[in-house]
Structures are given as C-alpha cells and as structure tokens.
C-alpha cells in the first residue's frame, strides 16, 4: 500500500477531497497531514478521518532534516501539497523528486511564484482581463511553481466575474481533478 502525506496551511478543502477519495482505497492511504499552522482547520479534518497530524515550525523545516526522518518513520511514498505556502527546502525536494506535487490556482506559468496564492492569483487574473483560468498540478522543485507540469484544467472567465467567482470556479476544478490526478500518479509510481 502506498502512503501519502498531505502538506496544507489552511482550510483544507482540497485535503478533505483527497482524504475522502482515498478513504476506502486498498492501494493508497493518506498516512499523515502536516501543517505549518497549529490552528489550521485541515488538522481537524484529518483528525475526523483518523489521520495522524504534525505541526511544524520554520526552524524544524528549514534548519534541520528532522521532517525527513518523520516521513520515513511513516513510510511516506508520495507528498501532495494542498495549499501549503512555504517553499520546500532542497533536502525534501531531493528526497521526493518525482514524488511530490503541488496544486496551483492558475494556468502556470502565468500567475505563479512567490506571493501568488489564493485571492492574489484570482485578483491578478481579473485585473489582467483574462478570458480563461484554471488549475495546474505540477511536480515540486526548488522554486515556487516552476516544476514540470503534470496536468491543467481550464474554465472561462466572464467579464462580470469577480475574483470571488473566479476562485469558486477554480476550486470546483481543483476538487474534481486533484484526487484523480494523484491516483494516476500513485498508480504510475508503484
């Protein structure tokens, strides 16, 4: 059985969809949820699914390799970032090369990079007058949003759409596609 870890910083709606998707899967188990915020709702969601959680701080994440040891103890095969806002350090990128993905709420390479997350992305899409947006799932490397693209899905942006409407359209795509793309990647890495 493949062991999946989810890294998340916030509300956890994508993490919840992933947990639900793999809940009864005989081949994949969400084995650990990691957050950099002790009050992140994703921790409660994980608890309600009986999934162990870990809260990390900057020193542990960037100044030691302790997290790698914890991932090894949990026999983590693959990592999914789901709204995790910290840049992944080189030791973790190296250890999980080709086995760690992120989801981004825009069609990369547009609207990516440091500071481009959540509402910042949707406001930029609206301000630029884009006629479409979407999501990108990509492998994680040492830079924000620059890893090889695995999957993209698109949706139209109407002139009357507010950033909030754009966000809702993209989130619906994320919920529909992220668990399925992860399942395909995990099946291919066995």
C-alpha atoms as a PDB file:
ATOM      1  CA  UNK A   1       0.000   0.000   0.000  1.00  0.00           C
ATOM      2  CA  UNK A   2       1.246   3.472  -0.924  1.00  0.00           C
ATOM      3  CA  UNK A   3       1.452   6.004   1.890  1.00  0.00           C
ATOM      4  CA  UNK A   4       0.509   9.597   1.047  1.00  0.00           C
ATOM      5  CA  UNK A   5       1.293  12.709   3.099  1.00  0.00           C
ATOM      6  CA  UNK A   6      -0.606  15.958   2.611  1.00  0.00           C
ATOM      7  CA  UNK A   7       1.013  19.308   3.438  1.00  0.00           C
ATOM      8  CA  UNK A   8      -1.523  22.106   3.976  1.00  0.00           C
ATOM      9  CA  UNK A   9      -1.558  25.544   5.601  1.00  0.00           C
ATOM     10  CA  UNK A  10      -5.214  26.475   5.607  1.00  0.00           C
ATOM     11  CA  UNK A  11      -8.811  25.430   5.376  1.00  0.00           C
ATOM     12  CA  UNK A  12      -8.126  22.044   3.884  1.00  0.00           C
ATOM     13  CA  UNK A  13     -10.905  21.677   1.309  1.00  0.00           C
ATOM     14  CA  UNK A  14      -8.557  20.031  -1.214  1.00  0.00           C
ATOM     15  CA  UNK A  15      -7.042  17.898   1.540  1.00  0.00           C
ATOM     16  CA  UNK A  16     -10.560  16.807   2.553  1.00  0.00           C
ATOM     17  CA  UNK A  17     -11.363  15.772  -1.028  1.00  0.00           C
ATOM     18  CA  UNK A  18      -8.132  13.756  -1.178  1.00  0.00           C
ATOM     19  CA  UNK A  19      -8.885  12.050   2.160  1.00  0.00           C
ATOM     20  CA  UNK A  20     -12.417  11.203   1.036  1.00  0.00           C
ATOM     21  CA  UNK A  21     -11.225   9.935  -2.347  1.00  0.00           C
ATOM     22  CA  UNK A  22      -8.714   7.508  -0.841  1.00  0.00           C
ATOM     23  CA  UNK A  23     -10.777   6.605   2.241  1.00  0.00           C
ATOM     24  CA  UNK A  24     -11.622   3.064   1.078  1.00  0.00           C
ATOM     25  CA  UNK A  25      -8.815   2.633  -1.445  1.00  0.00           C
ATOM     26  CA  UNK A  26      -6.926  -0.643  -0.912  1.00  0.00           C
ATOM     27  CA  UNK A  27      -3.800   0.685  -2.679  1.00  0.00           C
ATOM     28  CA  UNK A  28      -3.364   4.206  -1.238  1.00  0.00           C
ATOM     29  CA  UNK A  29      -3.668   5.534   2.295  1.00  0.00           C
ATOM     30  CA  UNK A  30      -3.419   9.120   3.497  1.00  0.00           C
ATOM     31  CA  UNK A  31      -0.988   8.408   6.321  1.00  0.00           C
ATOM     32  CA  UNK A  32      -0.044  11.877   7.581  1.00  0.00           C
ATOM     33  CA  UNK A  33      -1.187  15.503   7.367  1.00  0.00           C
ATOM     34  CA  UNK A  34       1.421  18.190   8.013  1.00  0.00           C
ATOM     35  CA  UNK A  35       0.723  21.862   8.606  1.00  0.00           C
ATOM     36  CA  UNK A  36       2.767  24.911   9.466  1.00  0.00           C
ATOM     37  CA  UNK A  37      -0.175  26.442  11.363  1.00  0.00           C
ATOM     38  CA  UNK A  38      -1.393  24.898  14.611  1.00  0.00           C
ATOM     39  CA  UNK A  39      -4.862  26.432  14.124  1.00  0.00           C
ATOM     40  CA  UNK A  40      -5.305  25.269  10.514  1.00  0.00           C
ATOM     41  CA  UNK A  41      -8.740  23.667  10.007  1.00  0.00           C
ATOM     42  CA  UNK A  42      -7.079  20.915   7.943  1.00  0.00           C
ATOM     43  CA  UNK A  43      -5.799  19.421  11.214  1.00  0.00           C
ATOM     44  CA  UNK A  44      -9.361  18.912  12.495  1.00  0.00           C
ATOM     45  CA  UNK A  45     -10.382  17.436   9.158  1.00  0.00           C
ATOM     46  CA  UNK A  46      -7.516  14.945   9.364  1.00  0.00           C
ATOM     47  CA  UNK A  47      -8.465  14.078  12.935  1.00  0.00           C
ATOM     48  CA  UNK A  48     -12.048  13.377  11.886  1.00  0.00           C
ATOM     49  CA  UNK A  49     -10.651  10.880   9.361  1.00  0.00           C
ATOM     50  CA  UNK A  50      -8.365   9.269  11.941  1.00  0.00           C
ATOM     51  CA  UNK A  51      -5.242  10.519  10.159  1.00  0.00           C
ATOM     52  CA  UNK A  52      -2.181  11.486  12.243  1.00  0.00           C
ATOM     53  CA  UNK A  53      -1.110  15.136  12.063  1.00  0.00           C
ATOM     54  CA  UNK A  54       2.076  17.073  12.628  1.00  0.00           C
ATOM     55  CA  UNK A  55       2.569  20.808  13.089  1.00  0.00           C
ATOM     56  CA  UNK A  56       5.972  22.065  12.001  1.00  0.00           C
ATOM     57  CA  UNK A  57       7.781  25.334  12.544  1.00  0.00           C
ATOM     58  CA  UNK A  58      10.274  27.182  10.344  1.00  0.00           C
ATOM     59  CA  UNK A  59      13.324  26.048  12.292  1.00  0.00           C
ATOM     60  CA  UNK A  60      12.392  22.374  12.012  1.00  0.00           C
ATOM     61  CA  UNK A  61      11.516  22.719   8.336  1.00  0.00           C
ATOM     62  CA  UNK A  62      14.470  24.769   7.124  1.00  0.00           C
ATOM     63  CA  UNK A  63      17.263  24.313   9.652  1.00  0.00           C
ATOM     64  CA  UNK A  64      17.092  20.551  10.261  1.00  0.00           C
ATOM     65  CA  UNK A  65      16.174  17.426   8.320  1.00  0.00           C
ATOM     66  CA  UNK A  66      14.050  16.110  11.180  1.00  0.00           C
ATOM     67  CA  UNK A  67      10.951  16.136   8.986  1.00  0.00           C
ATOM     68  CA  UNK A  68      12.571  13.708   6.558  1.00  0.00           C
ATOM     69  CA  UNK A  69      13.051  11.274   9.423  1.00  0.00           C
ATOM     70  CA  UNK A  70       9.388  11.598  10.394  1.00  0.00           C
ATOM     71  CA  UNK A  71       8.286  10.990   6.807  1.00  0.00           C
ATOM     72  CA  UNK A  72      10.499   7.895   6.733  1.00  0.00           C
ATOM     73  CA  UNK A  73       9.017   6.631  10.019  1.00  0.00           C
ATOM     74  CA  UNK A  74       5.543   6.940   8.465  1.00  0.00           C
ATOM     75  CA  UNK A  75       6.830   5.201   5.288  1.00  0.00           C
ATOM     76  CA  UNK A  76       5.617   8.113   3.142  1.00  0.00           C
ATOM     77  CA  UNK A  77       5.891   7.311  -0.569  1.00  0.00           C
ATOM     78  CA  UNK A  78       4.374  10.470  -2.024  1.00  0.00           C
ATOM     79  CA  UNK A  79       3.602  14.037  -0.914  1.00  0.00           C
ATOM     80  CA  UNK A  80       0.710  16.225  -2.084  1.00  0.00           C
ATOM     81  CA  UNK A  81       0.835  19.940  -1.296  1.00  0.00           C
ATOM     82  CA  UNK A  82      -2.678  21.314  -0.879  1.00  0.00           C
ATOM     83  CA  UNK A  83      -2.449  24.996  -0.054  1.00  0.00           C
ATOM     84  CA  UNK A  84       0.949  24.758   1.647  1.00  0.00           C
ATOM     85  CA  UNK A  85       2.606  28.153   1.344  1.00  0.00           C
ATOM     86  CA  UNK A  86       6.230  27.579   2.342  1.00  0.00           C
ATOM     87  CA  UNK A  87       8.941  26.950  -0.235  1.00  0.00           C
ATOM     88  CA  UNK A  88      10.041  23.316   0.016  1.00  0.00           C
ATOM     89  CA  UNK A  89      13.687  23.023   1.139  1.00  0.00           C
ATOM     90  CA  UNK A  90      16.265  21.260  -1.068  1.00  0.00           C
ATOM     91  CA  UNK A  91      16.662  18.202   1.196  1.00  0.00           C
ATOM     92  CA  UNK A  92      12.947  17.424   0.852  1.00  0.00           C
ATOM     93  CA  UNK A  93      12.827  18.188  -2.888  1.00  0.00           C
ATOM     94  CA  UNK A  94      15.748  15.801  -3.393  1.00  0.00           C
ATOM     95  CA  UNK A  95      14.317  13.010  -1.252  1.00  0.00           C
ATOM     96  CA  UNK A  96      10.920  13.150  -3.007  1.00  0.00           C
ATOM     97  CA  UNK A  97      11.970  14.093  -6.545  1.00  0.00           C
ATOM     98  CA  UNK A  98       9.190  12.974  -8.859  1.00  0.00           C
ATOM     99  CA  UNK A  99       7.060  12.017  -5.839  1.00  0.00           C
ATOM    100  CA  UNK A 100       5.824  15.423  -4.654  1.00  0.00           C
ATOM    101  CA  UNK A 101       3.222  17.579  -6.382  1.00  0.00           C
ATOM    102  CA  UNK A 102       1.558  20.918  -5.779  1.00  0.00           C
ATOM    103  CA  UNK A 103      -1.726  22.355  -6.994  1.00  0.00           C
ATOM    104  CA  UNK A 104      -1.790  25.982  -8.132  1.00  0.00           C
ATOM    105  CA  UNK A 105      -4.988  28.004  -8.831  1.00  0.00           C
ATOM    106  CA  UNK A 106      -3.928  29.335 -12.250  1.00  0.00           C
ATOM    107  CA  UNK A 107      -2.617  28.161 -15.588  1.00  0.00           C
ATOM    108  CA  UNK A 108       1.120  28.197 -14.982  1.00  0.00           C
ATOM    109  CA  UNK A 109       3.484  29.662 -15.981  1.00  0.00           C
ATOM    110  CA  UNK A 110       1.121  32.645 -15.653  1.00  0.00           C
ATOM    111  CA  UNK A 111       0.357  33.943 -12.156  1.00  0.00           C
ATOM    112  CA  UNK A 112       2.870  31.787 -10.298  1.00  0.00           C
ATOM    113  CA  UNK A 113       5.782  32.483  -7.996  1.00  0.00           C
ATOM    114  CA  UNK A 114       6.311  33.854  -4.508  1.00  0.00           C
ATOM    115  CA  UNK A 115       3.246  35.626  -3.151  1.00  0.00           C
ATOM    116  CA  UNK A 116       0.935  34.271  -5.842  1.00  0.00           C
ATOM    117  CA  UNK A 117      -1.561  32.172  -3.938  1.00  0.00           C
ATOM    118  CA  UNK A 118      -5.269  32.245  -3.172  1.00  0.00           C
ATOM    119  CA  UNK A 119      -7.045  35.538  -3.737  1.00  0.00           C
ATOM    120  CA  UNK A 120      -3.833  37.195  -5.010  1.00  0.00           C
ATOM    121  CA  UNK A 121      -3.940  34.911  -8.049  1.00  0.00           C
ATOM    122  CA  UNK A 122      -7.630  35.459  -8.789  1.00  0.00           C
ATOM    123  CA  UNK A 123      -7.323  39.237  -8.390  1.00  0.00           C
ATOM    124  CA  UNK A 124      -4.394  39.235 -10.848  1.00  0.00           C
ATOM    125  CA  UNK A 125      -6.343  37.119 -13.355  1.00  0.00           C
ATOM    126  CA  UNK A 126      -9.288  39.542 -13.121  1.00  0.00           C
ATOM    127  CA  UNK A 127      -7.061  42.647 -13.362  1.00  0.00           C
ATOM    128  CA  UNK A 128      -5.358  41.281 -16.487  1.00  0.00           C
ATOM    129  CA  UNK A 129      -8.711  40.734 -18.224  1.00  0.00           C
ATOM    130  CA  UNK A 130      -8.065  37.036 -18.823  1.00  0.00           C
ATOM    131  CA  UNK A 131     -10.819  35.128 -20.618  1.00  0.00           C
ATOM    132  CA  UNK A 132      -9.865  31.806 -19.016  1.00  0.00           C
ATOM    133  CA  UNK A 133      -8.085  30.479 -15.976  1.00  0.00           C
ATOM    134  CA  UNK A 134      -7.835  27.135 -14.280  1.00  0.00           C
ATOM    135  CA  UNK A 135      -5.558  24.964 -12.223  1.00  0.00           C
ATOM    136  CA  UNK A 136      -2.131  23.451 -12.620  1.00  0.00           C
ATOM    137  CA  UNK A 137      -0.787  20.374 -10.885  1.00  0.00           C
ATOM    138  CA  UNK A 138       2.991  20.245 -11.072  1.00  0.00           C
ATOM    139  CA  UNK A 139       5.943  18.435  -9.600  1.00  0.00           C
ATOM    140  CA  UNK A 140       7.694  20.357  -6.849  1.00  0.00           C
ATOM    141  CA  UNK A 141      11.220  21.627  -7.367  1.00  0.00           C
ATOM    142  CA  UNK A 142      13.338  24.193  -5.509  1.00  0.00           C
ATOM    143  CA  UNK A 143      11.421  27.206  -6.903  1.00  0.00           C
ATOM    144  CA  UNK A 144       7.845  28.348  -6.392  1.00  0.00           C
ATOM    145  CA  UNK A 145       5.544  26.971  -9.119  1.00  0.00           C
ATOM    146  CA  UNK A 146       8.310  26.074 -11.592  1.00  0.00           C
ATOM    147  CA  UNK A 147       8.265  22.263 -11.521  1.00  0.00           C
ATOM    148  CA  UNK A 148       7.234  20.188 -14.528  1.00  0.00           C
ATOM    149  CA  UNK A 149       3.518  20.445 -15.248  1.00  0.00           C
ATOM    150  CA  UNK A 150       1.563  17.225 -14.765  1.00  0.00           C
ATOM    151  CA  UNK A 151      -1.989  18.412 -15.504  1.00  0.00           C
ATOM    152  CA  UNK A 152      -4.007  21.525 -16.248  1.00  0.00           C
ATOM    153  CA  UNK A 153      -7.759  22.127 -16.383  1.00  0.00           C
ATOM    154  CA  UNK A 154      -9.402  25.308 -17.666  1.00  0.00           C
ATOM    155  CA  UNK A 155     -12.541  27.303 -17.055  1.00  0.00           C
ATOM    156  CA  UNK A 156     -13.863  30.507 -18.661  1.00  0.00           C
ATOM    157  CA  UNK A 157     -13.625  33.894 -17.004  1.00  0.00           C
ATOM    158  CA  UNK A 158     -16.591  36.069 -17.851  1.00  0.00           C
ATOM    159  CA  UNK A 159     -16.153  39.871 -17.854  1.00  0.00           C
ATOM    160  CA  UNK A 160     -18.640  40.199 -14.972  1.00  0.00           C
ATOM    161  CA  UNK A 161     -16.833  37.601 -12.801  1.00  0.00           C
ATOM    162  CA  UNK A 162     -15.427  38.928  -9.546  1.00  0.00           C
ATOM    163  CA  UNK A 163     -12.247  37.441  -8.072  1.00  0.00           C
ATOM    164  CA  UNK A 164     -14.517  35.507  -5.682  1.00  0.00           C
ATOM    165  CA  UNK A 165     -16.489  33.981  -8.569  1.00  0.00           C
ATOM    166  CA  UNK A 166     -13.233  33.094 -10.317  1.00  0.00           C
ATOM    167  CA  UNK A 167     -11.971  31.486  -7.102  1.00  0.00           C
ATOM    168  CA  UNK A 168     -15.137  29.367  -6.814  1.00  0.00           C
ATOM    169  CA  UNK A 169     -14.822  28.167 -10.423  1.00  0.00           C
ATOM    170  CA  UNK A 170     -11.180  27.190  -9.930  1.00  0.00           C
ATOM    171  CA  UNK A 171     -11.856  25.486  -6.595  1.00  0.00           C
ATOM    172  CA  UNK A 172     -14.549  23.343  -8.221  1.00  0.00           C
ATOM    173  CA  UNK A 173     -11.963  22.229 -10.794  1.00  0.00           C
ATOM    174  CA  UNK A 174      -9.429  21.510  -8.058  1.00  0.00           C
ATOM    175  CA  UNK A 175     -11.864  19.341  -6.097  1.00  0.00           C
ATOM    176  CA  UNK A 176     -12.823  17.423  -9.224  1.00  0.00           C
ATOM    177  CA  UNK A 177      -9.338  16.789 -10.581  1.00  0.00           C
ATOM    178  CA  UNK A 178      -6.693  16.765  -7.831  1.00  0.00           C
ATOM    179  CA  UNK A 179      -7.620  13.399  -6.227  1.00  0.00           C
ATOM    180  CA  UNK A 180      -7.907  11.704  -9.630  1.00  0.00           C
ATOM    181  CA  UNK A 181      -4.571  13.060 -10.841  1.00  0.00           C
ATOM    182  CA  UNK A 182      -2.946  11.935  -7.590  1.00  0.00           C
ATOM    183  CA  UNK A 183      -4.433   8.462  -8.023  1.00  0.00           C
ATOM    184  CA  UNK A 184      -2.929   8.250 -11.507  1.00  0.00           C
ATOM    185  CA  UNK A 185       0.484   9.423 -10.324  1.00  0.00           C
ATOM    186  CA  UNK A 186       0.467   6.966  -7.421  1.00  0.00           C
ATOM    187  CA  UNK A 187      -0.553   4.102  -9.703  1.00  0.00           C
ATOM    188  CA  UNK A 188       2.297   5.015 -12.066  1.00  0.00           C
ATOM    189  CA  UNK A 189       4.883   5.140  -9.276  1.00  0.00           C
ATOM    190  CA  UNK A 190       4.235   1.610  -7.988  1.00  0.00           C
END
